[in-house]
Amino acid sequence: MSNEKDIESRRKFLKVAAGTTVAAVVMGGLPRFARAADLPPVSETDPTAKALGYVEDASKSTNPKHKAGDDCSNCQFYTGGATGRGACQLFPGKSVAAKGWCVSHTPKKG
């Protein structure tokens, strides 16, 4: 009889643990699906943006590290389209301009 209670307790625990795990994955995954249009734009005055020398228009960058043709749309950290705004891994929860640039620009491979 005690063995049956142990088995039932284990089953209940595993069901609760599985449900909790699924809920955590779903809740943790939701922010990844946010559209760039829903993200607030990063400002050039944002402390992270200042530290990275972010500019909304790469053609206006005065940073000596900037190379002609480099902009957010061709950076590996950018996940938006070639125009408009998109998400950037360096600015979580905010969007950057496709034509923007920062010192962490790393060209996409391939």
N, C-alpha and C. Protein backbone atom coordinates (compact mmCIF):
# COMPACT_ATOMS: atom_id res chain seq x y z
N MET A 1 0.82 -1.19 0.00
CA MET A 1 0.00 0.00 0.00
C MET A 1 0.86 1.25 0.00
N SER A 2 1.90 1.25 0.79
CA SER A 2 2.80 2.40 0.85
C SER A 2 3.49 2.60 -0.49
N ASN A 3 3.79 1.52 -1.17
CA ASN A 3 4.44 1.59 -2.47
C ASN A 3 3.54 2.29 -3.49
N GLU A 4 2.23 2.03 -3.44
CA GLU A 4 1.29 2.67 -4.35
C GLU A 4 1.22 4.18 -4.09
N LYS A 5 1.28 4.59 -2.84
CA LYS A 5 1.28 6.02 -2.51
C LYS A 5 2.55 6.70 -3.02
N ASP A 6 3.68 5.99 -2.90
CA ASP A 6 4.94 6.55 -3.40
C ASP A 6 4.89 6.74 -4.91
N ILE A 7 4.35 5.75 -5.61
CA ILE A 7 4.25 5.83 -7.06
C ILE A 7 3.32 6.98 -7.46
N GLU A 8 2.18 7.09 -6.78
CA GLU A 8 1.24 8.18 -7.07
C GLU A 8 1.86 9.54 -6.78
N SER A 9 2.62 9.66 -5.69
CA SER A 9 3.29 10.92 -5.35
C SER A 9 4.31 11.29 -6.42
N ARG A 10 5.06 10.29 -6.89
CA ARG A 10 6.04 10.55 -7.94
C ARG A 10 5.36 11.01 -9.22
N ARG A 11 4.28 10.35 -9.58
CA ARG A 11 3.54 10.73 -10.80
C ARG A 11 3.04 12.17 -10.71
N LYS A 12 2.48 12.49 -9.55
CA LYS A 12 1.97 13.85 -9.35
C LYS A 12 3.11 14.86 -9.44
N PHE A 13 4.24 14.55 -8.81
CA PHE A 13 5.40 15.44 -8.86
C PHE A 13 5.87 15.64 -10.30
N LEU A 14 5.98 14.54 -11.05
CA LEU A 14 6.46 14.63 -12.43
C LEU A 14 5.50 15.44 -13.31
N LYS A 15 4.20 15.28 -13.08
CA LYS A 15 3.22 16.07 -13.85
C LYS A 15 3.36 17.55 -13.55
N VAL A 16 3.49 17.89 -12.28
CA VAL A 16 3.64 19.29 -11.89
C VAL A 16 4.96 19.85 -12.44
N ALA A 17 6.03 19.08 -12.33
CA ALA A 17 7.34 19.53 -12.82
C ALA A 17 7.31 19.75 -14.32
N ALA A 18 6.68 18.83 -15.05
CA ALA A 18 6.59 18.96 -16.50
C ALA A 18 5.77 20.19 -16.88
N GLY A 19 4.64 20.39 -16.19
CA GLY A 19 3.80 21.56 -16.47
C GLY A 19 4.54 22.86 -16.18
N THR A 20 5.28 22.89 -15.09
CA THR A 20 6.05 24.08 -14.73
C THR A 20 7.13 24.36 -15.76
N THR A 21 7.80 23.30 -16.22
CA THR A 21 8.86 23.45 -17.22
C THR A 21 8.29 24.01 -18.53
N VAL A 22 7.18 23.46 -18.97
CA VAL A 22 6.54 23.94 -20.20
C VAL A 22 6.14 25.41 -20.05
N ALA A 23 5.55 25.75 -18.92
CA ALA A 23 5.14 27.14 -18.70
C ALA A 23 6.36 28.07 -18.70
N ALA A 24 7.44 27.65 -18.08
CA ALA A 24 8.65 28.48 -18.05
C ALA A 24 9.23 28.68 -19.44
N VAL A 25 9.21 27.62 -20.25
CA VAL A 25 9.73 27.73 -21.63
C VAL A 25 8.87 28.68 -22.44
N VAL A 26 7.55 28.54 -22.32
CA VAL A 26 6.63 29.41 -23.07
C VAL A 26 6.79 30.86 -22.63
N MET A 27 6.82 31.09 -21.34
CA MET A 27 6.94 32.46 -20.84
C MET A 27 8.31 33.05 -21.19
N GLY A 28 9.35 32.24 -21.12
CA GLY A 28 10.69 32.72 -21.45
C GLY A 28 10.85 32.96 -22.93
N GLY A 29 10.10 32.23 -23.75
CA GLY A 29 10.22 32.37 -25.19
C GLY A 29 9.42 33.51 -25.77
N LEU A 30 8.43 34.02 -25.06
CA LEU A 30 7.58 35.07 -25.60
C LEU A 30 8.33 36.33 -25.99
N PRO A 31 9.26 36.84 -25.19
CA PRO A 31 9.93 38.07 -25.60
C PRO A 31 10.69 37.94 -26.92
N ARG A 32 11.13 36.73 -27.25
CA ARG A 32 11.86 36.55 -28.51
C ARG A 32 10.98 36.78 -29.72
N PHE A 33 9.67 36.63 -29.55
CA PHE A 33 8.76 36.76 -30.67
C PHE A 33 8.22 38.18 -30.83
N ALA A 34 8.66 39.08 -29.98
CA ALA A 34 8.20 40.47 -30.09
C ALA A 34 8.68 41.05 -31.42
N ARG A 35 7.81 41.75 -32.09
CA ARG A 35 8.17 42.36 -33.36
C ARG A 35 8.95 43.64 -33.10
N ALA A 36 9.86 43.96 -34.01
CA ALA A 36 10.67 45.17 -33.86
C ALA A 36 9.78 46.40 -33.77
N ALA A 37 8.65 46.38 -34.46
CA ALA A 37 7.75 47.52 -34.43
C ALA A 37 7.19 47.76 -33.02
N ASP A 38 7.16 46.70 -32.22
CA ASP A 38 6.66 46.81 -30.85
C ASP A 38 7.73 47.27 -29.87
N LEU A 39 8.98 47.24 -30.30
CA LEU A 39 10.09 47.62 -29.41
C LEU A 39 10.32 49.12 -29.46
N PRO A 40 10.60 49.74 -28.33
CA PRO A 40 10.90 51.17 -28.35
C PRO A 40 12.26 51.40 -29.01
N PRO A 41 12.41 52.48 -29.73
CA PRO A 41 13.70 52.75 -30.38
C PRO A 41 14.76 53.13 -29.36
N VAL A 42 15.98 52.69 -29.61
CA VAL A 42 17.08 53.10 -28.75
C VAL A 42 17.44 54.54 -29.11
N SER A 43 17.75 55.32 -28.11
CA SER A 43 18.11 56.72 -28.33
C SER A 43 19.63 56.85 -28.34
N GLU A 44 20.14 57.77 -29.11
CA GLU A 44 21.58 58.01 -29.14
C GLU A 44 22.09 58.49 -27.78
N THR A 45 21.18 58.96 -26.92
CA THR A 45 21.56 59.42 -25.59
C THR A 45 21.51 58.30 -24.54
N ASP A 46 21.02 57.12 -24.92
CA ASP A 46 20.98 55.96 -24.04
C ASP A 46 22.42 55.64 -23.61
N PRO A 47 22.65 55.32 -22.33
CA PRO A 47 24.01 55.05 -21.86
C PRO A 47 24.73 53.95 -22.66
N THR A 48 24.03 52.87 -23.01
CA THR A 48 24.65 51.80 -23.80
C THR A 48 24.97 52.32 -25.20
N ALA A 49 24.04 53.09 -25.78
CA ALA A 49 24.27 53.64 -27.12
C ALA A 49 25.48 54.57 -27.12
N LYS A 50 25.59 55.38 -26.08
CA LYS A 50 26.75 56.29 -25.99
C LYS A 50 28.05 55.49 -25.88
N ALA A 51 28.03 54.46 -25.04
CA ALA A 51 29.23 53.65 -24.85
C ALA A 51 29.66 52.95 -26.13
N LEU A 52 28.68 52.60 -26.97
CA LEU A 52 28.99 51.90 -28.22
C LEU A 52 29.08 52.84 -29.42
N GLY A 53 28.94 54.13 -29.19
CA GLY A 53 29.03 55.10 -30.28
C GLY A 53 27.92 54.93 -31.30
N TYR A 54 26.73 54.50 -30.86
CA TYR A 54 25.61 54.27 -31.77
C TYR A 54 25.12 55.57 -32.39
N VAL A 55 24.88 55.53 -33.70
CA VAL A 55 24.26 56.65 -34.42
C VAL A 55 23.11 56.08 -35.26
N GLU A 56 22.06 56.86 -35.40
CA GLU A 56 20.89 56.44 -36.19
C GLU A 56 21.20 56.37 -37.68
N ASP A 57 22.15 57.16 -38.13
CA ASP A 57 22.50 57.21 -39.54
C ASP A 57 24.00 56.98 -39.68
N ALA A 58 24.38 55.78 -40.15
CA ALA A 58 25.80 55.42 -40.25
C ALA A 58 26.60 56.40 -41.10
N SER A 59 25.96 56.99 -42.10
CA SER A 59 26.69 57.92 -42.98
C SER A 59 27.13 59.18 -42.25
N LYS A 60 26.55 59.43 -41.08
CA LYS A 60 26.91 60.63 -40.31
C LYS A 60 27.88 60.32 -39.17
N SER A 61 28.36 59.07 -39.10
CA SER A 61 29.29 58.69 -38.04
C SER A 61 30.64 59.37 -38.25
N THR A 62 31.18 59.90 -37.17
CA THR A 62 32.51 60.51 -37.21
C THR A 62 33.54 59.60 -36.54
N ASN A 63 33.12 58.41 -36.13
CA ASN A 63 34.00 57.46 -35.47
C ASN A 63 35.00 56.90 -36.48
N PRO A 64 36.29 56.92 -36.16
CA PRO A 64 37.30 56.42 -37.10
C PRO A 64 37.17 54.91 -37.39
N LYS A 65 36.47 54.17 -36.55
CA LYS A 65 36.29 52.73 -36.78
C LYS A 65 35.23 52.43 -37.83
N HIS A 66 34.41 53.43 -38.14
CA HIS A 66 33.34 53.23 -39.13
C HIS A 66 33.93 53.08 -40.52
N LYS A 67 33.46 52.05 -41.24
CA LYS A 67 33.87 51.83 -42.63
C LYS A 67 32.67 52.08 -43.53
N ALA A 68 32.91 52.65 -44.68
CA ALA A 68 31.84 52.92 -45.64
C ALA A 68 31.08 51.62 -45.93
N GLY A 69 29.77 51.69 -45.92
CA GLY A 69 28.93 50.53 -46.21
C GLY A 69 28.52 49.74 -44.98
N ASP A 70 29.18 49.97 -43.86
CA ASP A 70 28.80 49.29 -42.62
C ASP A 70 27.59 49.97 -42.01
N ASP A 71 26.55 49.18 -41.72
CA ASP A 71 25.40 49.68 -40.97
C ASP A 71 24.73 48.51 -40.29
N CYS A 72 23.76 48.78 -39.47
CA CYS A 72 23.12 47.73 -38.68
C CYS A 72 22.53 46.62 -39.56
N SER A 73 22.02 46.96 -40.73
CA SER A 73 21.36 45.96 -41.56
C SER A 73 22.31 44.85 -42.02
N ASN A 74 23.62 45.10 -42.02
CA ASN A 74 24.55 44.05 -42.42
C ASN A 74 25.44 43.59 -41.25
N CYS A 75 24.93 43.76 -40.04
CA CYS A 75 25.64 43.34 -38.82
C CYS A 75 25.04 42.04 -38.29
N GLN A 76 25.89 41.17 -37.77
CA GLN A 76 25.39 39.87 -37.28
C GLN A 76 24.50 39.99 -36.05
N PHE A 77 24.56 41.10 -35.32
CA PHE A 77 23.75 41.27 -34.12
C PHE A 77 22.33 41.78 -34.43
N TYR A 78 22.12 42.22 -35.66
CA TYR A 78 20.85 42.82 -36.08
C TYR A 78 19.94 41.75 -36.67
N THR A 79 18.66 41.77 -36.28
CA THR A 79 17.73 40.76 -36.78
C THR A 79 16.55 41.35 -37.54
N GLY A 80 16.64 42.59 -37.94
CA GLY A 80 15.55 43.22 -38.68
C GLY A 80 15.79 43.16 -40.18
N GLY A 81 14.97 43.88 -40.91
CA GLY A 81 15.10 43.93 -42.36
C GLY A 81 16.12 44.97 -42.79
N ALA A 82 16.27 45.10 -44.11
CA ALA A 82 17.26 46.02 -44.66
C ALA A 82 16.85 47.48 -44.52
N THR A 83 15.58 47.72 -44.27
CA THR A 83 15.09 49.09 -44.07
C THR A 83 14.28 49.16 -42.79
N GLY A 84 14.05 50.34 -42.31
CA GLY A 84 13.24 50.51 -41.10
C GLY A 84 14.05 50.26 -39.83
N ARG A 85 13.43 49.54 -38.91
CA ARG A 85 14.06 49.25 -37.61
C ARG A 85 14.04 47.77 -37.36
N GLY A 86 14.89 47.33 -36.44
CA GLY A 86 14.93 45.93 -36.07
C GLY A 86 15.57 45.74 -34.72
N ALA A 87 15.46 44.53 -34.21
CA ALA A 87 16.04 44.20 -32.92
C ALA A 87 17.55 44.00 -33.06
N CYS A 88 18.27 44.32 -31.99
CA CYS A 88 19.72 44.14 -31.94
C CYS A 88 20.06 43.46 -30.62
N GLN A 89 20.90 42.45 -30.67
CA GLN A 89 21.28 41.73 -29.46
C GLN A 89 22.01 42.62 -28.46
N LEU A 90 22.62 43.69 -28.92
CA LEU A 90 23.37 44.58 -28.04
C LEU A 90 22.46 45.55 -27.28
N PHE A 91 21.23 45.71 -27.76
CA PHE A 91 20.25 46.60 -27.13
C PHE A 91 18.98 45.82 -26.85
N PRO A 92 19.00 44.89 -25.87
CA PRO A 92 17.83 44.06 -25.60
C PRO A 92 16.59 44.89 -25.27
N GLY A 93 15.49 44.50 -25.91
CA GLY A 93 14.22 45.17 -25.65
C GLY A 93 14.05 46.48 -26.37
N LYS A 94 14.99 46.82 -27.25
CA LYS A 94 14.90 48.07 -28.01
C LYS A 94 15.20 47.79 -29.47
N SER A 95 14.78 48.70 -30.33
CA SER A 95 15.06 48.55 -31.75
C SER A 95 16.09 49.58 -32.19
N VAL A 96 16.82 49.24 -33.24
CA VAL A 96 17.81 50.14 -33.82
C VAL A 96 17.45 50.39 -35.28
N ALA A 97 17.96 51.46 -35.83
CA ALA A 97 17.71 51.78 -37.23
C ALA A 97 18.55 50.86 -38.12
N ALA A 98 17.95 50.37 -39.19
CA ALA A 98 18.69 49.52 -40.13
C ALA A 98 19.90 50.26 -40.68
N LYS A 99 19.79 51.56 -40.81
CA LYS A 99 20.89 52.37 -41.34
C LYS A 99 21.76 52.95 -40.23
N GLY A 100 21.58 52.46 -38.99
CA GLY A 100 22.39 52.90 -37.87
C GLY A 100 23.74 52.19 -37.85
N TRP A 101 24.55 52.50 -36.85
CA TRP A 101 25.87 51.89 -36.73
C TRP A 101 26.40 52.06 -35.30
N CYS A 102 27.23 51.12 -34.85
CA CYS A 102 27.94 51.27 -33.58
C CYS A 102 29.30 50.59 -33.69
N VAL A 103 30.17 50.84 -32.72
CA VAL A 103 31.53 50.30 -32.79
C VAL A 103 31.58 48.78 -32.70
N SER A 104 30.51 48.15 -32.28
CA SER A 104 30.49 46.68 -32.21
C SER A 104 30.05 46.03 -33.51
N HIS A 105 29.92 46.83 -34.56
CA HIS A 105 29.48 46.29 -35.86
C HIS A 105 30.37 45.12 -36.26
N THR A 106 29.72 43.99 -36.54
CA THR A 106 30.41 42.79 -36.99
C THR A 106 29.67 42.28 -38.23
N PRO A 107 30.33 42.30 -39.38
CA PRO A 107 29.63 41.89 -40.61
C PRO A 107 29.04 40.48 -40.51
N LYS A 108 27.87 40.32 -41.14
CA LYS A 108 27.24 39.01 -41.19
C LYS A 108 28.11 38.10 -42.03
N LYS A 109 28.18 36.85 -41.64
CA LYS A 109 28.95 35.86 -42.40
C LYS A 109 28.06 35.21 -43.45
N GLY A 110 28.64 34.97 -44.58
CA GLY A 110 27.94 34.24 -45.63
C GLY A 110 27.17 35.09 -46.47
